[in-house]
Amino acid sequence: MRLRLDYQGAYDWPAMLGFLSARAIAGLETVVDGVYSRSISLGGAHGTFSITQAQGDALDVVLRFPDILAVPEIVRRLRRMFDLDADLPGIHRHLSTDPLMARLIAGHPGLRVPGAWDGLELAIRAVLGQQISVGAAIRLAGKLVAQYGERLLPSFAPLTHVFPSSRVLAEADLAALGMPRSRGRTLSGVAQALLDDPRLFEPKSDLPACTAPLLALWGVGDWTAQYIALRQMREADAFPSGDVGLINALKALEGGPVTPGGLLARAEAWRPHRAYAAQVLWTSLSRAD
């Protein structure tokens, strides 16, 4: 099935692909020749989609999924994942009152915030990324998917698995994958929390309402909670001020020492769109590399 997802304004598709490619989990997702593909699971059924930029202001999707009744929910998730409904001109006008943001946005006017297909998957990624590099976290995620993910049948090479279910992860000894036992405990605890509250990763009324239930979980700190709110709950003002990438980006752009507190103070001018400012900073760092 082919779908066309329209959007308004500019769209920096290469930046979106670059972000997703750097975080692609083997067996679960891939980026090849301008196309992002991944396996999906919804309502007990499995499938895949491939998405790329189409002519005009739209993304083109090839969907392979056995349940046609699930298509509206799949479209809703895709629109959130690829940030298709954002008022990007309005957001960027506000951020551009800061000269630094104005300069960065002028160079990449279609920069959007990558979302996530599934809340559990994003939360597991965030916990795996605590205090280690993106590459190391993705390698661990690949082990987790290969060990605990259900096989994708029929396969769509190189997509071989779907992401593990919350029940499987809640019961697994994830430290056996080669991580600190405390982190394995946090991962299983996050999965159990979703079993206890199926709406755990759904958007809430405001940022504190998004992060409070997450901060109550063992091993989940502010960085993890803010990151989940930013990418999964689509909270436009979420801002992981302790993120090393954000700190390094601001340091490279403006020089001088940057602390988490200093970054947080600097970000006051970017409210209520700090998530978009964070994406601008992350992208500036990746392109400087």
Protein backbone atom coordinates (compact mmCIF):
# COMPACT_ATOMS: atom_id res chain seq x y z
CA MET A 1 0.00 0.00 0.00
CA ARG A 2 1.26 3.47 -0.88
CA LEU A 3 0.45 6.52 1.25
CA ARG A 4 1.16 10.21 0.76
CA LEU A 5 1.67 12.27 3.91
CA ASP A 6 1.39 16.01 3.30
CA TYR A 7 3.03 18.71 5.37
CA GLN A 8 3.34 22.50 5.28
CA GLY A 9 6.53 24.51 5.06
CA ALA A 10 10.09 23.38 4.49
CA TYR A 11 11.37 19.93 5.42
CA ASP A 12 15.07 19.13 5.88
CA TRP A 13 14.78 15.46 4.94
CA PRO A 14 18.58 14.87 4.82
CA ALA A 15 18.82 16.06 8.44
CA MET A 16 15.97 13.77 9.49
CA LEU A 17 17.61 10.83 7.74
CA GLY A 18 20.99 11.66 9.26
CA PHE A 19 19.54 11.62 12.77
CA LEU A 20 17.72 8.32 12.19
CA SER A 21 20.65 6.70 10.38
CA ALA A 22 23.04 7.42 13.25
CA ARG A 23 20.60 5.64 15.60
CA ALA A 24 19.41 2.81 13.35
CA ILE A 25 19.19 -0.54 15.16
CA ALA A 26 20.37 -3.53 13.11
CA GLY A 27 17.54 -5.83 12.14
CA LEU A 28 14.92 -3.22 13.07
CA GLU A 29 15.55 -0.26 10.78
CA THR A 30 17.76 0.94 7.96
CA VAL A 31 18.51 4.05 5.90
CA VAL A 32 19.52 3.44 2.27
CA ASP A 33 19.54 5.86 -0.68
CA GLY A 34 17.34 8.45 0.98
CA VAL A 35 14.79 5.93 2.26
CA TYR A 36 14.13 5.05 5.90
CA SER A 37 12.65 1.58 6.46
CA ARG A 38 11.72 -0.24 9.64
CA SER A 39 9.65 -3.05 11.09
CA ILE A 40 6.55 -2.22 13.10
CA SER A 41 4.24 -4.04 15.49
CA LEU A 42 0.70 -2.96 16.25
CA GLY A 43 -2.14 -4.89 17.87
CA GLY A 44 -0.21 -8.14 17.65
CA ALA A 45 0.37 -7.83 13.89
CA HIS A 46 3.75 -7.15 12.30
CA GLY A 47 4.80 -5.34 9.16
CA THR A 48 7.16 -2.75 7.69
CA PHE A 49 7.14 0.67 6.13
CA SER A 50 9.56 2.57 3.92
CA ILE A 51 9.40 6.36 3.73
CA THR A 52 11.09 8.99 1.62
CA GLN A 53 10.56 12.53 0.42
CA ALA A 54 8.12 12.89 -2.46
CA GLN A 55 7.68 15.65 -5.02
CA GLY A 56 5.79 18.54 -3.53
CA ASP A 57 5.36 19.01 0.19
CA ALA A 58 4.87 15.37 1.13
CA LEU A 59 6.50 12.15 2.21
CA ASP A 60 5.87 8.94 0.27
CA VAL A 61 5.24 5.75 2.27
CA VAL A 62 5.21 2.13 1.17
CA LEU A 63 3.37 0.21 3.89
CA ARG A 64 3.33 -3.57 4.25
CA PHE A 65 0.88 -4.50 7.00
CA PRO A 66 -1.70 -7.29 7.18
CA ASP A 67 -4.48 -5.37 8.95
CA ILE A 68 -5.99 -2.60 6.83
CA LEU A 69 -8.05 -1.39 9.81
CA ALA A 70 -4.78 -0.35 11.49
CA VAL A 71 -3.89 2.12 8.72
CA PRO A 72 -5.39 5.23 10.42
CA GLU A 73 -3.37 4.54 13.59
CA ILE A 74 -0.24 3.88 11.54
CA VAL A 75 -0.71 7.19 9.70
CA ARG A 76 -1.19 9.00 13.02
CA ARG A 77 2.04 7.53 14.35
CA LEU A 78 3.94 8.36 11.18
CA ARG A 79 2.79 11.98 11.25
CA ARG A 80 3.99 12.28 14.84
CA MET A 81 7.21 10.39 14.22
CA PHE A 82 8.19 12.65 11.33
CA ASP A 83 6.82 15.85 12.87
CA LEU A 84 4.50 16.62 9.97
CA ASP A 85 1.99 18.78 11.83
CA ALA A 86 4.37 21.25 13.47
CA ASP A 87 3.90 24.97 12.87
CA LEU A 88 7.53 25.17 11.87
CA PRO A 89 7.47 28.76 10.52
CA GLY A 90 5.95 30.02 13.78
CA ILE A 91 8.37 28.01 15.91
CA HIS A 92 11.38 29.21 13.95
CA ARG A 93 10.22 32.84 14.03
CA HIS A 94 10.16 32.66 17.81
CA LEU A 95 13.55 30.95 18.10
CA SER A 96 15.11 33.37 15.62
CA THR A 97 14.79 36.24 18.09
CA ASP A 98 18.02 34.70 19.42
CA PRO A 99 20.81 35.63 16.95
CA LEU A 100 22.50 32.23 17.34
CA MET A 101 19.29 30.37 16.56
CA ALA A 102 18.54 32.74 13.68
CA ARG A 103 21.87 31.94 12.05
CA LEU A 104 21.52 28.18 12.46
CA ILE A 105 17.90 28.06 11.32
CA ALA A 106 18.64 30.20 8.26
CA GLY A 107 21.08 27.52 7.12
CA HIS A 108 18.55 24.69 7.65
CA PRO A 109 15.03 26.16 7.59
CA GLY A 110 13.20 22.82 7.44
CA LEU A 111 14.69 21.23 10.52
CA ARG A 112 12.13 19.15 12.43
CA VAL A 113 12.25 17.05 15.59
CA PRO A 114 12.46 13.29 14.96
CA GLY A 115 9.88 11.41 16.96
CA ALA A 116 9.52 7.70 17.66
CA TRP A 117 7.34 4.88 16.44
CA ASP A 118 6.70 3.47 19.91
CA GLY A 119 7.01 4.79 23.46
CA LEU A 120 8.57 1.69 24.98
CA GLU A 121 11.19 1.51 22.25
CA LEU A 122 12.12 5.16 22.71
CA ALA A 123 12.30 4.78 26.50
CA ILE A 124 14.54 1.71 26.19
CA ARG A 125 16.79 3.61 23.78
CA ALA A 126 16.99 6.50 26.24
CA VAL A 127 17.94 4.28 29.18
CA LEU A 128 20.51 2.43 27.09
CA GLY A 129 22.01 5.80 26.16
CA GLN A 130 22.63 6.86 29.75
CA GLN A 131 26.29 7.86 30.11
CA ILE A 132 27.49 6.06 26.96
CA SER A 133 27.92 7.09 23.34
CA VAL A 134 25.18 6.86 20.72
CA GLY A 135 27.13 4.12 18.92
CA ALA A 136 27.56 2.02 22.05
CA ALA A 137 23.87 2.39 22.92
CA ILE A 138 22.80 1.33 19.43
CA ARG A 139 25.01 -1.76 19.56
CA LEU A 140 23.38 -2.76 22.85
CA ALA A 141 19.96 -2.12 21.36
CA GLY A 142 20.84 -4.41 18.45
CA LYS A 143 21.71 -7.19 20.88
CA LEU A 144 18.45 -6.63 22.73
CA VAL A 145 16.38 -6.82 19.54
CA ALA A 146 18.19 -9.92 18.28
CA GLN A 147 17.84 -11.70 21.63
CA TYR A 148 14.31 -10.73 22.67
CA GLY A 149 12.56 -9.35 19.58
CA GLU A 150 10.07 -11.50 17.70
CA ARG A 151 11.13 -12.57 14.21
CA LEU A 152 9.54 -10.65 11.36
CA LEU A 153 7.69 -13.08 9.08
CA PRO A 154 7.86 -12.76 6.20
CA SER A 155 11.17 -10.95 6.50
CA PHE A 156 11.97 -7.85 4.49
CA ALA A 157 15.76 -7.99 4.41
CA PRO A 158 17.63 -6.53 6.16
CA LEU A 159 14.67 -6.08 8.55
CA THR A 160 14.47 -9.30 10.56
CA HIS A 161 12.82 -8.54 13.94
CA VAL A 162 10.25 -6.34 15.62
CA PHE A 163 11.06 -4.58 18.87
CA PRO A 164 10.52 -6.74 21.99
CA SER A 165 7.23 -6.45 23.87
CA SER A 166 6.95 -4.89 27.29
CA ARG A 167 6.06 -8.25 28.85
CA VAL A 168 9.15 -9.94 27.45
CA LEU A 169 11.43 -7.11 28.61
CA ALA A 170 9.83 -6.92 32.05
CA GLU A 171 10.68 -10.56 32.68
CA ALA A 172 14.14 -10.71 31.03
CA ASP A 173 17.55 -10.51 32.73
CA LEU A 174 18.77 -7.74 30.45
CA ALA A 175 22.11 -7.35 32.24
CA ALA A 176 23.10 -10.55 30.45
CA LEU A 177 23.46 -8.47 27.29
CA GLY A 178 26.58 -6.84 28.72
CA MET A 179 25.47 -3.80 30.67
CA PRO A 180 25.54 -2.83 34.36
CA ARG A 181 22.98 -4.80 36.35
CA SER A 182 21.47 -1.53 37.57
CA ARG A 183 20.73 -0.49 33.99
CA GLY A 184 19.17 -3.85 33.25
CA ARG A 185 16.97 -3.36 36.29
CA THR A 186 15.91 0.07 35.01
CA LEU A 187 15.04 -1.32 31.58
CA SER A 188 12.89 -4.07 33.04
CA GLY A 189 11.31 -1.56 35.41
CA VAL A 190 10.36 0.74 32.54
CA ALA A 191 8.74 -2.18 30.71
CA GLN A 192 6.83 -3.21 33.84
CA ALA A 193 5.68 0.38 34.37
CA LEU A 194 4.14 0.36 30.90
CA LEU A 195 2.33 -2.88 31.72
CA ASP A 196 1.01 -1.22 34.87
CA ASP A 197 0.04 1.99 33.04
CA PRO A 198 -0.54 1.55 29.28
CA ARG A 199 -0.79 5.36 28.92
CA LEU A 200 2.62 6.00 30.48
CA PHE A 201 4.17 7.34 27.26
CA GLU A 202 1.14 9.20 25.92
CA PRO A 203 1.23 13.03 25.74
CA LYS A 204 0.12 14.84 28.89
CA SER A 205 -1.21 18.31 29.69
CA ASP A 206 2.23 19.89 30.14
CA LEU A 207 5.92 19.09 30.55
CA PRO A 208 5.87 18.39 34.33
CA ALA A 209 2.94 16.02 33.82
CA CYS A 210 4.99 14.22 31.16
CA THR A 211 8.13 13.82 33.21
CA ALA A 212 6.74 13.21 36.73
CA PRO A 213 5.66 9.58 36.17
CA LEU A 214 8.98 8.84 34.49
CA LEU A 215 11.07 10.40 37.25
CA ALA A 216 9.25 8.16 39.73
CA LEU A 217 10.80 5.10 38.07
CA TRP A 218 13.99 3.61 39.52
CA GLY A 219 17.06 4.68 37.52
CA VAL A 220 15.29 7.34 35.43
CA GLY A 221 16.72 10.83 35.88
CA ASP A 222 15.98 14.21 34.36
CA TRP A 223 17.94 13.64 31.13
CA THR A 224 16.08 10.42 30.36
CA ALA A 225 12.68 11.84 31.25
CA GLN A 226 13.22 14.99 29.19
CA TYR A 227 14.45 12.99 26.21
CA ILE A 228 11.39 10.72 26.29
CA ALA A 229 9.10 13.74 26.61
CA LEU A 230 10.87 15.41 23.68
CA ARG A 231 10.83 12.57 21.17
CA GLN A 232 7.89 10.37 22.23
CA MET A 233 5.40 12.67 23.92
CA ARG A 234 6.21 15.47 21.46
CA GLU A 235 6.46 18.00 24.28
CA ALA A 236 7.73 21.09 22.45
CA ASP A 237 9.41 22.58 25.53
CA ALA A 238 11.25 19.45 26.70
CA PHE A 239 14.95 20.13 27.09
CA PRO A 240 17.59 17.68 28.42
CA SER A 241 19.96 20.37 29.68
CA GLY A 242 22.53 17.84 30.90
CA ASP A 243 22.98 16.37 27.42
CA VAL A 244 26.66 16.29 26.49
CA GLY A 245 25.85 16.87 22.82
CA LEU A 246 23.91 20.05 23.58
CA ILE A 247 26.64 21.33 25.88
CA ASN A 248 29.37 20.61 23.31
CA ALA A 249 27.34 22.20 20.52
CA LEU A 250 26.85 25.46 22.40
CA LYS A 251 30.50 25.47 23.43
CA ALA A 252 31.62 25.01 19.81
CA LEU A 253 29.27 27.72 18.57
CA GLU A 254 29.91 30.37 21.20
CA GLY A 255 33.17 29.36 22.87
CA GLY A 256 33.96 29.39 26.56
CA PRO A 257 32.83 26.95 29.26
CA VAL A 258 29.25 25.69 29.23
CA THR A 259 27.59 23.97 32.19
CA PRO A 260 24.19 22.28 32.33
CA GLY A 261 22.96 25.17 34.47
CA GLY A 262 24.34 27.71 32.04
CA LEU A 263 22.73 25.92 29.10
CA LEU A 264 19.40 25.81 30.94
CA ALA A 265 19.59 29.55 31.63
CA ARG A 266 20.49 30.22 27.99
CA ALA A 267 17.50 28.16 26.89
CA GLU A 268 15.00 30.35 28.76
CA ALA A 269 14.80 32.57 25.68
CA TRP A 270 13.78 29.55 23.59
CA ARG A 271 10.66 28.68 25.61
CA PRO A 272 8.15 27.25 24.78
CA HIS A 273 9.99 25.58 21.90
CA ARG A 274 13.17 24.35 23.56
CA ALA A 275 12.85 20.90 21.95
CA TYR A 276 13.28 22.51 18.53
CA ALA A 277 16.22 24.53 19.78
CA ALA A 278 17.78 21.30 21.03
CA GLN A 279 17.37 19.72 17.60
CA VAL A 280 19.01 22.75 15.99
CA LEU A 281 21.99 22.39 18.34
CA TRP A 282 22.31 18.64 17.86
CA THR A 283 22.23 19.07 14.10
CA SER A 284 24.85 21.82 14.18
CA LEU A 285 27.20 19.51 16.06
CA SER A 286 26.69 16.56 13.70
CA ARG A 287 27.29 18.72 10.65
CA ALA A 288 30.39 20.25 12.19
CA ASP A 289 31.75 16.71 12.52
